[in-house]
Amino acid sequence: MLKETQEGKKFTVVPLHDELDKGTLLEIIRQIGMEKEEFIKML
């Protein structure tokens, strides 16, 4: 997953599982500096 910010590009690895644990997904969202609500709007 990639997010571009004023500080530059932020990358994170998303596991290739059929289903992600809630905590894993929230950690991925946190790593890219995104709010949970911002992520949900993108869906």
N, C-alpha and C. Protein backbone atom coordinates (compact mmCIF):
# COMPACT_ATOMS: atom_id res chain seq x y z
N MET A 1 0.86 -1.16 0.00
CA MET A 1 0.00 0.00 0.00
C MET A 1 0.90 1.22 0.00
N LEU A 2 0.53 2.26 -0.70
CA LEU A 2 1.31 3.48 -0.83
C LEU A 2 0.44 4.67 -0.50
N LYS A 3 1.01 5.60 0.26
CA LYS A 3 0.33 6.87 0.52
C LYS A 3 1.36 7.97 0.33
N GLU A 4 1.01 8.98 -0.44
CA GLU A 4 1.90 10.11 -0.62
C GLU A 4 1.50 11.22 0.34
N THR A 5 2.49 11.75 1.06
CA THR A 5 2.26 12.84 2.01
C THR A 5 3.20 13.98 1.68
N GLN A 6 3.09 15.07 2.40
CA GLN A 6 4.01 16.19 2.20
C GLN A 6 5.43 15.79 2.54
N GLU A 7 5.60 14.82 3.45
CA GLU A 7 6.92 14.35 3.83
C GLU A 7 7.50 13.36 2.83
N GLY A 8 6.69 12.87 1.91
CA GLY A 8 7.14 11.89 0.93
C GLY A 8 6.20 10.71 0.86
N LYS A 9 6.66 9.64 0.22
CA LYS A 9 5.86 8.45 0.05
C LYS A 9 6.03 7.53 1.25
N LYS A 10 4.93 6.89 1.67
CA LYS A 10 4.96 5.92 2.75
C LYS A 10 4.46 4.59 2.22
N PHE A 11 5.23 3.54 2.45
CA PHE A 11 4.88 2.20 1.99
C PHE A 11 4.66 1.29 3.18
N THR A 12 3.80 0.32 3.03
CA THR A 12 3.63 -0.73 4.02
C THR A 12 3.30 -2.03 3.29
N VAL A 13 3.63 -3.14 3.91
CA VAL A 13 3.37 -4.46 3.34
C VAL A 13 2.02 -4.94 3.83
N VAL A 14 1.20 -5.42 2.92
CA VAL A 14 -0.09 -5.99 3.27
C VAL A 14 0.01 -7.50 3.10
N PRO A 15 -0.21 -8.28 4.17
CA PRO A 15 -0.11 -9.74 4.07
C PRO A 15 -1.08 -10.31 3.04
N LEU A 16 -0.68 -11.41 2.41
CA LEU A 16 -1.51 -12.05 1.39
C LEU A 16 -2.37 -13.14 2.02
N HIS A 17 -3.23 -12.76 2.93
CA HIS A 17 -4.16 -13.69 3.56
C HIS A 17 -5.56 -13.43 3.01
N ASP A 18 -6.39 -14.46 3.02
CA ASP A 18 -7.78 -14.27 2.60
C ASP A 18 -8.50 -13.31 3.54
N GLU A 19 -8.12 -13.35 4.81
CA GLU A 19 -8.77 -12.53 5.81
C GLU A 19 -7.71 -11.98 6.76
N LEU A 20 -7.78 -10.66 7.03
CA LEU A 20 -6.84 -10.03 7.95
C LEU A 20 -7.48 -9.86 9.31
N ASP A 21 -6.68 -10.03 10.34
CA ASP A 21 -7.13 -9.74 11.69
C ASP A 21 -7.37 -8.24 11.81
N LYS A 22 -8.36 -7.85 12.57
CA LYS A 22 -8.70 -6.44 12.76
C LYS A 22 -7.49 -5.63 13.22
N GLY A 23 -6.75 -6.17 14.18
CA GLY A 23 -5.57 -5.48 14.69
C GLY A 23 -4.50 -5.29 13.64
N THR A 24 -4.32 -6.29 12.77
CA THR A 24 -3.34 -6.20 11.69
C THR A 24 -3.72 -5.09 10.73
N LEU A 25 -4.99 -5.04 10.35
CA LEU A 25 -5.45 -4.00 9.44
C LEU A 25 -5.28 -2.62 10.06
N LEU A 26 -5.64 -2.46 11.32
CA LEU A 26 -5.49 -1.16 11.98
C LEU A 26 -4.03 -0.75 12.06
N GLU A 27 -3.13 -1.70 12.26
CA GLU A 27 -1.70 -1.40 12.31
C GLU A 27 -1.19 -0.96 10.94
N ILE A 28 -1.65 -1.60 9.88
CA ILE A 28 -1.27 -1.20 8.52
C ILE A 28 -1.73 0.23 8.27
N ILE A 29 -2.96 0.54 8.64
CA ILE A 29 -3.51 1.89 8.46
C ILE A 29 -2.67 2.89 9.25
N ARG A 30 -2.29 2.54 10.49
CA ARG A 30 -1.49 3.43 11.33
C ARG A 30 -0.11 3.67 10.72
N GLN A 31 0.51 2.62 10.17
CA GLN A 31 1.85 2.72 9.60
C GLN A 31 1.91 3.70 8.44
N ILE A 32 0.85 3.81 7.69
CA ILE A 32 0.87 4.74 6.56
C ILE A 32 0.37 6.13 6.94
N GLY A 33 0.09 6.33 8.23
CA GLY A 33 -0.29 7.65 8.70
C GLY A 33 -1.70 8.06 8.33
N MET A 34 -2.56 7.09 8.17
CA MET A 34 -3.94 7.36 7.77
C MET A 34 -4.86 7.11 8.96
N GLU A 35 -5.92 7.87 9.05
CA GLU A 35 -6.95 7.65 10.07
C GLU A 35 -7.88 6.54 9.59
N LYS A 36 -8.44 5.79 10.53
CA LYS A 36 -9.35 4.69 10.19
C LYS A 36 -10.51 5.19 9.35
N GLU A 37 -11.06 6.33 9.71
CA GLU A 37 -12.21 6.88 8.98
C GLU A 37 -11.84 7.24 7.54
N GLU A 38 -10.63 7.76 7.35
CA GLU A 38 -10.15 8.11 6.01
C GLU A 38 -10.04 6.84 5.16
N PHE A 39 -9.54 5.75 5.76
CA PHE A 39 -9.43 4.48 5.06
C PHE A 39 -10.81 3.95 4.65
N ILE A 40 -11.76 4.01 5.57
CA ILE A 40 -13.12 3.52 5.31
C ILE A 40 -13.75 4.29 4.16
N LYS A 41 -13.53 5.59 4.05
CA LYS A 41 -14.08 6.39 2.96
C LYS A 41 -13.56 5.94 1.60
N MET A 42 -12.33 5.37 1.59
CA MET A 42 -11.73 4.92 0.34
C MET A 42 -12.34 3.62 -0.16
N LEU A 43 -13.02 2.87 0.70
CA LEU A 43 -13.56 1.57 0.30
C LEU A 43 -14.71 1.69 -0.66
